[in-house]
């Protein structure tokens, strides 16, 4: 069986290399143009994550949910403020086009990605609307902190110490600034009351920290729509309480969870969420909605969610009710 698997993987690799070479003219492209995008994203051709998620997967019709969400939400909802937290190479921020009134902010902790991000920023037609911040996004700004750069997979870089003790040599330790979203956005006009917010957070177990540090930014908009990664194993390794985190989310948002589906289902109780998965430790994305909303938000939810509440009539923390 191992020999057959090895043989299949070898064939798969050859096919991928052929398709990449046919599309990019090289086996190691350092810039990609994702499907449906007219803009380019600069990447490290030696990064396995960039190769898998940004080079090969799109050529075979596989687009990450956070990319499709970001592009769809920013285009259809036309927010005044959009936050991409956990930028990586910028495959969300730089692969979309924006309404002229949208102010955009990207946050990334890994300093080694800075050269690629800067190249993409310079080339993007909306660069004057964009602001990129390098630092570890946390509950509050503070002294520099240790950050662990994953040499094998840039997306695995983390602020969690000892994440993979059996692979300690996999990480390079660097010191990075510690910032909060509220501190960064405090002087920005787009964060003042009355606007509209779209956000995405994918920071390897630090999502609760990020949300705690953007509470003023969440209170100001008329409505907000966000997508966050939710990985119970990473959150626990970061020292988070699942009960406290869930209570925080429920107090502020209508929460929808994705489970083996392109659409998310409304979840109101922690037990309801855990019952959707086969194992006590699980990984998913949560779609978060709050505020007054409008017809565009209702329509967006109808396309992205299923079941009761998908018609825009979210209640409790979400506050909007069906007419």
C-alpha atoms as a PDB file:
ATOM      1  CA  UNK A   1       0.000   0.000   0.000  1.00  0.00           C
ATOM      2  CA  UNK A   2       2.848   2.394   0.805  1.00  0.00           C
ATOM      3  CA  UNK A   3       4.381   1.729  -2.604  1.00  0.00           C
ATOM      4  CA  UNK A   4       1.055   2.413  -4.353  1.00  0.00           C
ATOM      5  CA  UNK A   5       0.595   5.621  -2.377  1.00  0.00           C
ATOM      6  CA  UNK A   6       4.124   6.705  -3.245  1.00  0.00           C
ATOM      7  CA  UNK A   7       3.475   5.968  -6.908  1.00  0.00           C
ATOM      8  CA  UNK A   8       0.205   7.948  -6.881  1.00  0.00           C
ATOM      9  CA  UNK A   9       1.890  10.916  -5.189  1.00  0.00           C
ATOM     10  CA  UNK A  10       4.654  10.887  -7.787  1.00  0.00           C
ATOM     11  CA  UNK A  11       2.100  10.987 -10.610  1.00  0.00           C
ATOM     12  CA  UNK A  12       0.201  13.767  -8.841  1.00  0.00           C
ATOM     13  CA  UNK A  13       3.389  15.814  -8.465  1.00  0.00           C
ATOM     14  CA  UNK A  14       4.220  15.391 -12.150  1.00  0.00           C
ATOM     15  CA  UNK A  15       0.738  16.481 -13.205  1.00  0.00           C
ATOM     16  CA  UNK A  16       0.878  19.530 -10.949  1.00  0.00           C
ATOM     17  CA  UNK A  17       4.302  20.533 -12.247  1.00  0.00           C
ATOM     18  CA  UNK A  18       3.086  20.202 -15.841  1.00  0.00           C
ATOM     19  CA  UNK A  19      -0.002  22.359 -15.203  1.00  0.00           C
ATOM     20  CA  UNK A  20       2.019  24.991 -13.333  1.00  0.00           C
ATOM     21  CA  UNK A  21       4.642  25.155 -16.086  1.00  0.00           C
ATOM     22  CA  UNK A  22       1.946  25.416 -18.763  1.00  0.00           C
ATOM     23  CA  UNK A  23       0.236  28.315 -16.956  1.00  0.00           C
ATOM     24  CA  UNK A  24       3.218  30.235 -15.615  1.00  0.00           C
ATOM     25  CA  UNK A  25       6.053  29.235 -17.928  1.00  0.00           C
ATOM     26  CA  UNK A  26       8.165  28.130 -14.967  1.00  0.00           C
ATOM     27  CA  UNK A  27       8.185  25.472 -12.245  1.00  0.00           C
ATOM     28  CA  UNK A  28       8.701  28.097  -9.541  1.00  0.00           C
ATOM     29  CA  UNK A  29       6.509  31.164 -10.117  1.00  0.00           C
ATOM     30  CA  UNK A  30       7.173  34.061  -7.773  1.00  0.00           C
ATOM     31  CA  UNK A  31       3.976  35.882  -8.633  1.00  0.00           C
ATOM     32  CA  UNK A  32       0.451  34.502  -9.093  1.00  0.00           C
ATOM     33  CA  UNK A  33      -2.847  35.779 -10.431  1.00  0.00           C
ATOM     34  CA  UNK A  34      -5.675  33.969  -8.677  1.00  0.00           C
ATOM     35  CA  UNK A  35      -8.864  32.927 -10.527  1.00  0.00           C
ATOM     36  CA  UNK A  36     -11.342  35.757 -10.857  1.00  0.00           C
ATOM     37  CA  UNK A  37      -8.717  38.352  -9.959  1.00  0.00           C
ATOM     38  CA  UNK A  38      -7.156  40.973 -12.206  1.00  0.00           C
ATOM     39  CA  UNK A  39      -4.366  41.743  -9.739  1.00  0.00           C
ATOM     40  CA  UNK A  40      -1.183  39.876  -8.844  1.00  0.00           C
ATOM     41  CA  UNK A  41       0.170  38.505  -5.574  1.00  0.00           C
ATOM     42  CA  UNK A  42       3.911  38.108  -5.009  1.00  0.00           C
ATOM     43  CA  UNK A  43       4.987  34.925  -3.214  1.00  0.00           C
ATOM     44  CA  UNK A  44       8.052  33.027  -2.046  1.00  0.00           C
ATOM     45  CA  UNK A  45       8.386  30.183  -4.598  1.00  0.00           C
ATOM     46  CA  UNK A  46      10.156  28.043  -1.990  1.00  0.00           C
ATOM     47  CA  UNK A  47       7.308  28.233   0.536  1.00  0.00           C
ATOM     48  CA  UNK A  48       5.285  24.957   0.493  1.00  0.00           C
ATOM     49  CA  UNK A  49       2.141  26.817   1.571  1.00  0.00           C
ATOM     50  CA  UNK A  50       2.407  29.244  -1.321  1.00  0.00           C
ATOM     51  CA  UNK A  51       2.987  26.352  -3.734  1.00  0.00           C
ATOM     52  CA  UNK A  52      -0.015  24.364  -2.507  1.00  0.00           C
ATOM     53  CA  UNK A  53      -2.615  27.055  -1.781  1.00  0.00           C
ATOM     54  CA  UNK A  54      -1.683  29.847  -4.192  1.00  0.00           C
ATOM     55  CA  UNK A  55       0.013  28.089  -7.106  1.00  0.00           C
ATOM     56  CA  UNK A  56      -1.394  24.583  -7.621  1.00  0.00           C
ATOM     57  CA  UNK A  57      -4.801  24.502  -5.864  1.00  0.00           C
ATOM     58  CA  UNK A  58      -6.352  27.381  -7.870  1.00  0.00           C
ATOM     59  CA  UNK A  59      -5.252  25.768 -11.153  1.00  0.00           C
ATOM     60  CA  UNK A  60      -7.328  22.740 -10.206  1.00  0.00           C
ATOM     61  CA  UNK A  61     -10.377  24.782  -9.188  1.00  0.00           C
ATOM     62  CA  UNK A  62      -9.733  24.741  -5.434  1.00  0.00           C
ATOM     63  CA  UNK A  63     -10.023  28.172  -3.836  1.00  0.00           C
ATOM     64  CA  UNK A  64      -9.772  28.659  -0.070  1.00  0.00           C
ATOM     65  CA  UNK A  65     -12.981  29.786   1.647  1.00  0.00           C
ATOM     66  CA  UNK A  66     -11.370  32.861   3.172  1.00  0.00           C
ATOM     67  CA  UNK A  67     -10.430  34.081  -0.318  1.00  0.00           C
ATOM     68  CA  UNK A  68     -13.912  33.672  -1.776  1.00  0.00           C
ATOM     69  CA  UNK A  69     -15.494  35.177   1.343  1.00  0.00           C
ATOM     70  CA  UNK A  70     -13.212  38.200   1.331  1.00  0.00           C
ATOM     71  CA  UNK A  71     -13.690  39.009  -2.314  1.00  0.00           C
ATOM     72  CA  UNK A  72     -17.453  38.476  -2.207  1.00  0.00           C
ATOM     73  CA  UNK A  73     -18.000  40.413   1.033  1.00  0.00           C
ATOM     74  CA  UNK A  74     -15.879  43.406   0.058  1.00  0.00           C
ATOM     75  CA  UNK A  75     -17.397  43.660  -3.405  1.00  0.00           C
ATOM     76  CA  UNK A  76     -21.060  43.076  -2.548  1.00  0.00           C
ATOM     77  CA  UNK A  77     -21.215  44.746   0.863  1.00  0.00           C
ATOM     78  CA  UNK A  78     -19.016  47.744  -0.019  1.00  0.00           C
ATOM     79  CA  UNK A  79     -17.856  48.385   3.579  1.00  0.00           C
ATOM     80  CA  UNK A  80     -16.252  51.612   4.689  1.00  0.00           C
ATOM     81  CA  UNK A  81     -13.607  49.560   6.537  1.00  0.00           C
ATOM     82  CA  UNK A  82     -12.110  46.123   5.767  1.00  0.00           C
ATOM     83  CA  UNK A  83      -9.548  44.306   7.945  1.00  0.00           C
ATOM     84  CA  UNK A  84      -7.438  41.353   6.777  1.00  0.00           C
ATOM     85  CA  UNK A  85      -5.824  40.057   9.973  1.00  0.00           C
ATOM     86  CA  UNK A  86      -3.396  37.240   9.249  1.00  0.00           C
ATOM     87  CA  UNK A  87      -2.346  38.590   5.873  1.00  0.00           C
ATOM     88  CA  UNK A  88       0.308  35.991   4.961  1.00  0.00           C
ATOM     89  CA  UNK A  89       1.232  36.750   1.317  1.00  0.00           C
ATOM     90  CA  UNK A  90      -1.905  38.860   0.924  1.00  0.00           C
ATOM     91  CA  UNK A  91      -3.929  36.403  -1.149  1.00  0.00           C
ATOM     92  CA  UNK A  92      -7.122  37.964   0.215  1.00  0.00           C
ATOM     93  CA  UNK A  93      -6.206  41.649   0.378  1.00  0.00           C
ATOM     94  CA  UNK A  94      -4.297  41.879  -2.913  1.00  0.00           C
ATOM     95  CA  UNK A  95      -6.447  39.538  -5.030  1.00  0.00           C
ATOM     96  CA  UNK A  96      -9.578  41.685  -4.789  1.00  0.00           C
ATOM     97  CA  UNK A  97     -10.754  45.029  -6.096  1.00  0.00           C
ATOM     98  CA  UNK A  98     -12.572  47.554  -3.942  1.00  0.00           C
ATOM     99  CA  UNK A  99     -15.071  50.364  -3.900  1.00  0.00           C
ATOM    100  CA  UNK A 100     -13.375  53.753  -3.753  1.00  0.00           C
ATOM    101  CA  UNK A 101     -14.725  54.564  -0.282  1.00  0.00           C
ATOM    102  CA  UNK A 102     -13.383  51.359   1.377  1.00  0.00           C
ATOM    103  CA  UNK A 103     -10.404  51.825   3.664  1.00  0.00           C
ATOM    104  CA  UNK A 104      -8.309  48.646   3.952  1.00  0.00           C
ATOM    105  CA  UNK A 105      -5.912  47.422   6.625  1.00  0.00           C
ATOM    106  CA  UNK A 106      -3.774  44.285   6.515  1.00  0.00           C
ATOM    107  CA  UNK A 107      -2.022  42.849   9.588  1.00  0.00           C
ATOM    108  CA  UNK A 108       0.807  40.287   9.569  1.00  0.00           C
ATOM    109  CA  UNK A 109       3.202  39.157  12.300  1.00  0.00           C
ATOM    110  CA  UNK A 110       5.790  37.327  10.174  1.00  0.00           C
ATOM    111  CA  UNK A 111       8.464  39.870   9.174  1.00  0.00           C
ATOM    112  CA  UNK A 112       9.888  37.548   6.497  1.00  0.00           C
ATOM    113  CA  UNK A 113       6.783  38.068   4.385  1.00  0.00           C
ATOM    114  CA  UNK A 114       7.270  41.832   4.280  1.00  0.00           C
ATOM    115  CA  UNK A 115       9.200  41.988   0.946  1.00  0.00           C
ATOM    116  CA  UNK A 116       6.489  40.043  -0.893  1.00  0.00           C
ATOM    117  CA  UNK A 117       3.679  42.051   0.674  1.00  0.00           C
ATOM    118  CA  UNK A 118       5.347  45.331  -0.260  1.00  0.00           C
ATOM    119  CA  UNK A 119       5.723  44.273  -3.908  1.00  0.00           C
ATOM    120  CA  UNK A 120       2.061  43.308  -4.138  1.00  0.00           C
ATOM    121  CA  UNK A 121       1.009  46.535  -2.443  1.00  0.00           C
ATOM    122  CA  UNK A 122       2.978  48.698  -4.876  1.00  0.00           C
ATOM    123  CA  UNK A 123       1.339  47.013  -7.873  1.00  0.00           C
ATOM    124  CA  UNK A 124      -2.269  47.049  -6.608  1.00  0.00           C
ATOM    125  CA  UNK A 125      -4.529  49.698  -8.167  1.00  0.00           C
ATOM    126  CA  UNK A 126      -6.109  50.324  -4.748  1.00  0.00           C
ATOM    127  CA  UNK A 127      -2.794  50.839  -2.947  1.00  0.00           C
ATOM    128  CA  UNK A 128      -3.747  54.355  -1.826  1.00  0.00           C
ATOM    129  CA  UNK A 129      -6.661  52.837   0.132  1.00  0.00           C
ATOM    130  CA  UNK A 130      -4.450  50.207   1.791  1.00  0.00           C
ATOM    131  CA  UNK A 131      -2.441  50.257   5.003  1.00  0.00           C
ATOM    132  CA  UNK A 132      -0.259  47.308   6.009  1.00  0.00           C
ATOM    133  CA  UNK A 133       0.888  46.771   9.607  1.00  0.00           C
ATOM    134  CA  UNK A 134       3.564  44.291  10.694  1.00  0.00           C
ATOM    135  CA  UNK A 135       3.332  43.066  14.260  1.00  0.00           C
ATOM    136  CA  UNK A 136       1.685  40.480  16.500  1.00  0.00           C
ATOM    137  CA  UNK A 137      -1.976  41.488  16.852  1.00  0.00           C
ATOM    138  CA  UNK A 138      -3.109  40.951  20.441  1.00  0.00           C
ATOM    139  CA  UNK A 139      -5.591  42.140  23.062  1.00  0.00           C
ATOM    140  CA  UNK A 140      -3.521  45.263  23.650  1.00  0.00           C
ATOM    141  CA  UNK A 141      -0.337  46.871  22.414  1.00  0.00           C
ATOM    142  CA  UNK A 142       2.766  46.141  24.441  1.00  0.00           C
ATOM    143  CA  UNK A 143       6.471  45.290  24.456  1.00  0.00           C
ATOM    144  CA  UNK A 144       7.974  43.195  21.672  1.00  0.00           C
ATOM    145  CA  UNK A 145       7.163  39.492  21.969  1.00  0.00           C
ATOM    146  CA  UNK A 146       8.614  36.253  20.661  1.00  0.00           C
ATOM    147  CA  UNK A 147       7.152  34.947  17.421  1.00  0.00           C
ATOM    148  CA  UNK A 148       7.859  31.503  15.984  1.00  0.00           C
ATOM    149  CA  UNK A 149       8.374  31.405  12.223  1.00  0.00           C
ATOM    150  CA  UNK A 150       7.543  28.037  10.690  1.00  0.00           C
ATOM    151  CA  UNK A 151      10.218  27.335   8.082  1.00  0.00           C
ATOM    152  CA  UNK A 152       8.168  24.550   6.454  1.00  0.00           C
ATOM    153  CA  UNK A 153       4.797  26.279   6.189  1.00  0.00           C
ATOM    154  CA  UNK A 154       4.504  30.070   6.495  1.00  0.00           C
ATOM    155  CA  UNK A 155       0.868  29.770   7.558  1.00  0.00           C
ATOM    156  CA  UNK A 156       1.944  27.752  10.607  1.00  0.00           C
ATOM    157  CA  UNK A 157       3.967  30.609  12.084  1.00  0.00           C
ATOM    158  CA  UNK A 158       2.617  31.395  15.524  1.00  0.00           C
ATOM    159  CA  UNK A 159       2.956  33.255  18.802  1.00  0.00           C
ATOM    160  CA  UNK A 160       2.310  30.008  20.708  1.00  0.00           C
ATOM    161  CA  UNK A 161       5.463  28.712  22.394  1.00  0.00           C
ATOM    162  CA  UNK A 162       6.192  24.990  22.066  1.00  0.00           C
ATOM    163  CA  UNK A 163       3.409  24.334  19.588  1.00  0.00           C
ATOM    164  CA  UNK A 164       5.172  21.273  18.166  1.00  0.00           C
ATOM    165  CA  UNK A 165       7.688  20.162  20.816  1.00  0.00           C
ATOM    166  CA  UNK A 166       8.692  17.146  18.746  1.00  0.00           C
ATOM    167  CA  UNK A 167       9.724  19.520  15.936  1.00  0.00           C
ATOM    168  CA  UNK A 168      11.364  22.338  17.886  1.00  0.00           C
ATOM    169  CA  UNK A 169      13.956  22.838  15.137  1.00  0.00           C
ATOM    170  CA  UNK A 170      11.191  23.670  12.694  1.00  0.00           C
ATOM    171  CA  UNK A 171      10.824  27.208  14.047  1.00  0.00           C
ATOM    172  CA  UNK A 172      12.967  30.329  14.028  1.00  0.00           C
ATOM    173  CA  UNK A 173      12.337  32.628  16.978  1.00  0.00           C
ATOM    174  CA  UNK A 174      12.199  36.383  16.357  1.00  0.00           C
ATOM    175  CA  UNK A 175      11.032  39.424  18.312  1.00  0.00           C
ATOM    176  CA  UNK A 176       8.119  41.347  16.818  1.00  0.00           C
ATOM    177  CA  UNK A 177       6.105  44.419  17.870  1.00  0.00           C
ATOM    178  CA  UNK A 178       2.811  43.770  19.698  1.00  0.00           C
ATOM    179  CA  UNK A 179      -0.129  45.844  18.475  1.00  0.00           C
ATOM    180  CA  UNK A 180      -3.919  45.898  18.796  1.00  0.00           C
ATOM    181  CA  UNK A 181      -6.463  46.710  16.121  1.00  0.00           C
ATOM    182  CA  UNK A 182      -8.093  49.408  18.264  1.00  0.00           C
ATOM    183  CA  UNK A 183      -4.769  51.175  18.817  1.00  0.00           C
ATOM    184  CA  UNK A 184      -3.895  51.099  15.120  1.00  0.00           C
ATOM    185  CA  UNK A 185      -7.333  52.270  13.990  1.00  0.00           C
ATOM    186  CA  UNK A 186      -7.910  54.901  16.703  1.00  0.00           C
ATOM    187  CA  UNK A 187      -6.863  57.844  14.503  1.00  0.00           C
ATOM    188  CA  UNK A 188      -8.581  56.537  11.370  1.00  0.00           C
ATOM    189  CA  UNK A 189     -11.796  58.179  10.186  1.00  0.00           C
ATOM    190  CA  UNK A 190     -13.118  54.866   8.823  1.00  0.00           C
ATOM    191  CA  UNK A 191     -13.289  53.401  12.342  1.00  0.00           C
ATOM    192  CA  UNK A 192     -15.630  56.096  13.655  1.00  0.00           C
ATOM    193  CA  UNK A 193     -19.313  55.352  14.388  1.00  0.00           C
ATOM    194  CA  UNK A 194     -21.682  54.944  11.488  1.00  0.00           C
ATOM    195  CA  UNK A 195     -19.594  52.970   9.018  1.00  0.00           C
ATOM    196  CA  UNK A 196     -19.685  49.317   7.974  1.00  0.00           C
ATOM    197  CA  UNK A 197     -17.046  46.653   8.619  1.00  0.00           C
ATOM    198  CA  UNK A 198     -15.868  43.472   6.879  1.00  0.00           C
ATOM    199  CA  UNK A 199     -13.085  41.483   8.545  1.00  0.00           C
ATOM    200  CA  UNK A 200     -11.172  38.224   8.308  1.00  0.00           C
ATOM    201  CA  UNK A 201      -9.039  36.740  11.117  1.00  0.00           C
ATOM    202  CA  UNK A 202      -6.708  33.752  10.713  1.00  0.00           C
ATOM    203  CA  UNK A 203      -3.869  33.920  13.236  1.00  0.00           C
ATOM    204  CA  UNK A 204      -3.169  30.363  14.421  1.00  0.00           C
ATOM    205  CA  UNK A 205      -4.986  30.321  17.754  1.00  0.00           C
ATOM    206  CA  UNK A 206      -4.732  34.055  18.557  1.00  0.00           C
ATOM    207  CA  UNK A 207      -8.187  34.937  17.203  1.00  0.00           C
ATOM    208  CA  UNK A 208      -9.681  35.590  20.657  1.00  0.00           C
ATOM    209  CA  UNK A 209      -6.770  37.892  21.489  1.00  0.00           C
ATOM    210  CA  UNK A 210      -7.348  39.811  18.262  1.00  0.00           C
ATOM    211  CA  UNK A 211     -11.084  40.212  18.892  1.00  0.00           C
ATOM    212  CA  UNK A 212     -10.475  41.419  22.457  1.00  0.00           C
ATOM    213  CA  UNK A 213      -8.184  44.082  21.057  1.00  0.00           C
ATOM    214  CA  UNK A 214     -10.712  45.362  18.501  1.00  0.00           C
ATOM    215  CA  UNK A 215     -13.810  45.821  20.668  1.00  0.00           C
ATOM    216  CA  UNK A 216     -14.043  49.567  20.021  1.00  0.00           C
ATOM    217  CA  UNK A 217     -13.695  48.909  16.306  1.00  0.00           C
ATOM    218  CA  UNK A 218     -16.524  46.352  16.492  1.00  0.00           C
ATOM    219  CA  UNK A 219     -18.862  48.690  18.384  1.00  0.00           C
ATOM    220  CA  UNK A 220     -18.562  51.617  15.982  1.00  0.00           C
ATOM    221  CA  UNK A 221     -20.017  50.253  12.700  1.00  0.00           C
ATOM    222  CA  UNK A 222     -23.727  50.086  11.856  1.00  0.00           C
ATOM    223  CA  UNK A 223     -23.043  46.450  11.009  1.00  0.00           C
ATOM    224  CA  UNK A 224     -20.098  44.088  10.733  1.00  0.00           C
ATOM    225  CA  UNK A 225     -19.527  40.784   8.928  1.00  0.00           C
ATOM    226  CA  UNK A 226     -16.482  38.647   9.692  1.00  0.00           C
ATOM    227  CA  UNK A 227     -14.912  35.268   9.023  1.00  0.00           C
ATOM    228  CA  UNK A 228     -12.613  33.760  11.647  1.00  0.00           C
ATOM    229  CA  UNK A 229     -10.691  30.519  11.898  1.00  0.00           C
ATOM    230  CA  UNK A 230     -11.762  28.430  14.914  1.00  0.00           C
ATOM    231  CA  UNK A 231      -9.349  25.638  15.890  1.00  0.00           C
ATOM    232  CA  UNK A 232      -9.963  24.237  19.371  1.00  0.00           C
ATOM    233  CA  UNK A 233      -6.522  22.594  19.656  1.00  0.00           C
ATOM    234  CA  UNK A 234      -4.674  25.796  18.772  1.00  0.00           C
ATOM    235  CA  UNK A 235      -6.892  27.918  21.013  1.00  0.00           C
ATOM    236  CA  UNK A 236      -6.252  25.655  24.000  1.00  0.00           C
ATOM    237  CA  UNK A 237      -2.504  25.676  23.347  1.00  0.00           C
ATOM    238  CA  UNK A 238      -2.733  29.464  23.358  1.00  0.00           C
ATOM    239  CA  UNK A 239      -4.237  29.194  26.855  1.00  0.00           C
ATOM    240  CA  UNK A 240      -7.769  30.228  25.910  1.00  0.00           C
ATOM    241  CA  UNK A 241     -10.919  29.080  27.687  1.00  0.00           C
ATOM    242  CA  UNK A 242     -13.447  27.739  25.189  1.00  0.00           C
ATOM    243  CA  UNK A 243     -16.300  28.776  27.470  1.00  0.00           C
ATOM    244  CA  UNK A 244     -15.058  32.351  27.813  1.00  0.00           C
ATOM    245  CA  UNK A 245     -14.378  32.655  24.105  1.00  0.00           C
ATOM    246  CA  UNK A 246     -17.783  31.290  23.137  1.00  0.00           C
ATOM    247  CA  UNK A 247     -19.516  33.611  25.605  1.00  0.00           C
ATOM    248  CA  UNK A 248     -17.616  36.551  24.089  1.00  0.00           C
ATOM    249  CA  UNK A 249     -18.774  35.612  20.578  1.00  0.00           C
ATOM    250  CA  UNK A 250     -22.388  35.024  21.623  1.00  0.00           C
ATOM    251  CA  UNK A 251     -22.603  38.397  23.370  1.00  0.00           C
ATOM    252  CA  UNK A 252     -21.520  40.256  20.243  1.00  0.00           C
ATOM    253  CA  UNK A 253     -22.482  38.275  17.151  1.00  0.00           C
ATOM    254  CA  UNK A 254     -24.889  35.987  15.461  1.00  0.00           C
ATOM    255  CA  UNK A 255     -22.606  32.988  14.841  1.00  0.00           C
ATOM    256  CA  UNK A 256     -22.717  30.644  11.847  1.00  0.00           C
ATOM    257  CA  UNK A 257     -20.411  27.597  11.522  1.00  0.00           C
ATOM    258  CA  UNK A 258     -19.200  25.759   8.415  1.00  0.00           C
ATOM    259  CA  UNK A 259     -19.296  21.948   8.548  1.00  0.00           C
ATOM    260  CA  UNK A 260     -18.383  20.089   5.347  1.00  0.00           C
ATOM    261  CA  UNK A 261     -20.468  22.549   3.370  1.00  0.00           C
ATOM    262  CA  UNK A 262     -20.078  25.670   1.292  1.00  0.00           C
ATOM    263  CA  UNK A 263     -22.696  27.317   3.517  1.00  0.00           C
ATOM    264  CA  UNK A 264     -22.700  27.953   7.262  1.00  0.00           C
ATOM    265  CA  UNK A 265     -25.366  27.003   9.795  1.00  0.00           C
ATOM    266  CA  UNK A 266     -26.557  29.230  12.659  1.00  0.00           C
ATOM    267  CA  UNK A 267     -25.252  28.089  16.053  1.00  0.00           C
ATOM    268  CA  UNK A 268     -26.554  29.427  19.383  1.00  0.00           C
ATOM    269  CA  UNK A 269     -25.083  27.083  22.005  1.00  0.00           C
ATOM    270  CA  UNK A 270     -21.612  25.652  22.594  1.00  0.00           C
ATOM    271  CA  UNK A 271     -23.012  22.118  22.819  1.00  0.00           C
ATOM    272  CA  UNK A 272     -24.744  22.677  19.512  1.00  0.00           C
ATOM    273  CA  UNK A 273     -21.439  23.594  17.891  1.00  0.00           C
ATOM    274  CA  UNK A 274     -19.468  20.645  19.315  1.00  0.00           C
ATOM    275  CA  UNK A 275     -22.231  18.229  18.261  1.00  0.00           C
ATOM    276  CA  UNK A 276     -21.627  19.224  14.643  1.00  0.00           C
ATOM    277  CA  UNK A 277     -18.203  17.549  14.715  1.00  0.00           C
ATOM    278  CA  UNK A 278     -17.158  13.950  15.300  1.00  0.00           C
ATOM    279  CA  UNK A 279     -14.204  14.717  17.561  1.00  0.00           C
ATOM    280  CA  UNK A 280     -13.811  16.898  20.675  1.00  0.00           C
ATOM    281  CA  UNK A 281     -11.018  18.793  18.929  1.00  0.00           C
ATOM    282  CA  UNK A 282     -12.116  20.375  15.664  1.00  0.00           C
ATOM    283  CA  UNK A 283     -11.212  22.998  13.101  1.00  0.00           C
ATOM    284  CA  UNK A 284     -13.703  25.172  11.224  1.00  0.00           C
ATOM    285  CA  UNK A 285     -14.517  28.708  10.157  1.00  0.00           C
ATOM    286  CA  UNK A 286     -17.122  30.871  11.847  1.00  0.00           C
ATOM    287  CA  UNK A 287     -19.110  33.550  10.076  1.00  0.00           C
ATOM    288  CA  UNK A 288     -19.912  36.407  12.484  1.00  0.00           C
ATOM    289  CA  UNK A 289     -22.603  39.041  11.930  1.00  0.00           C
ATOM    290  CA  UNK A 290     -23.758  41.958  14.081  1.00  0.00           C
ATOM    291  CA  UNK A 291     -25.455  45.326  13.900  1.00  0.00           C
ATOM    292  CA  UNK A 292     -28.382  46.838  12.056  1.00  0.00           C
ATOM    293  CA  UNK A 293     -27.560  45.348   8.694  1.00  0.00           C
ATOM    294  CA  UNK A 294     -29.327  46.217   5.455  1.00  0.00           C
ATOM    295  CA  UNK A 295     -30.661  44.508   2.351  1.00  0.00           C
ATOM    296  CA  UNK A 296     -27.161  43.795   1.053  1.00  0.00           C
ATOM    297  CA  UNK A 297     -26.219  42.016   4.270  1.00  0.00           C
ATOM    298  CA  UNK A 298     -29.454  40.009   4.168  1.00  0.00           C
ATOM    299  CA  UNK A 299     -28.750  38.926   0.597  1.00  0.00           C
ATOM    300  CA  UNK A 300     -25.150  38.053   1.443  1.00  0.00           C
ATOM    301  CA  UNK A 301     -26.318  35.864   4.327  1.00  0.00           C
ATOM    302  CA  UNK A 302     -28.855  34.088   2.169  1.00  0.00           C
ATOM    303  CA  UNK A 303     -26.018  33.059  -0.146  1.00  0.00           C
ATOM    304  CA  UNK A 304     -23.571  32.093   2.608  1.00  0.00           C
ATOM    305  CA  UNK A 305     -25.796  30.407   5.205  1.00  0.00           C
ATOM    306  CA  UNK A 306     -28.452  27.699   5.406  1.00  0.00           C
ATOM    307  CA  UNK A 307     -31.427  27.017   7.635  1.00  0.00           C
ATOM    308  CA  UNK A 308     -33.299  29.337   9.931  1.00  0.00           C
ATOM    309  CA  UNK A 309     -31.686  32.767  10.116  1.00  0.00           C
ATOM    310  CA  UNK A 310     -30.297  32.617   6.577  1.00  0.00           C
ATOM    311  CA  UNK A 311     -32.938  35.165   5.500  1.00  0.00           C
ATOM    312  CA  UNK A 312     -31.262  37.983   7.407  1.00  0.00           C
ATOM    313  CA  UNK A 313     -33.481  37.786  10.496  1.00  0.00           C
ATOM    314  CA  UNK A 314     -30.722  37.122  12.991  1.00  0.00           C
ATOM    315  CA  UNK A 315     -31.523  37.783  16.630  1.00  0.00           C
ATOM    316  CA  UNK A 316     -29.920  38.051  20.092  1.00  0.00           C
ATOM    317  CA  UNK A 317     -26.416  39.516  19.754  1.00  0.00           C
ATOM    318  CA  UNK A 318     -26.884  40.081  16.027  1.00  0.00           C
ATOM    319  CA  UNK A 319     -29.714  42.514  16.877  1.00  0.00           C
ATOM    320  CA  UNK A 320     -31.313  42.593  13.409  1.00  0.00           C
ATOM    321  CA  UNK A 321     -34.743  40.973  13.194  1.00  0.00           C
ATOM    322  CA  UNK A 322     -36.853  40.052  10.255  1.00  0.00           C
ATOM    323  CA  UNK A 323     -39.485  42.580   9.335  1.00  0.00           C
END
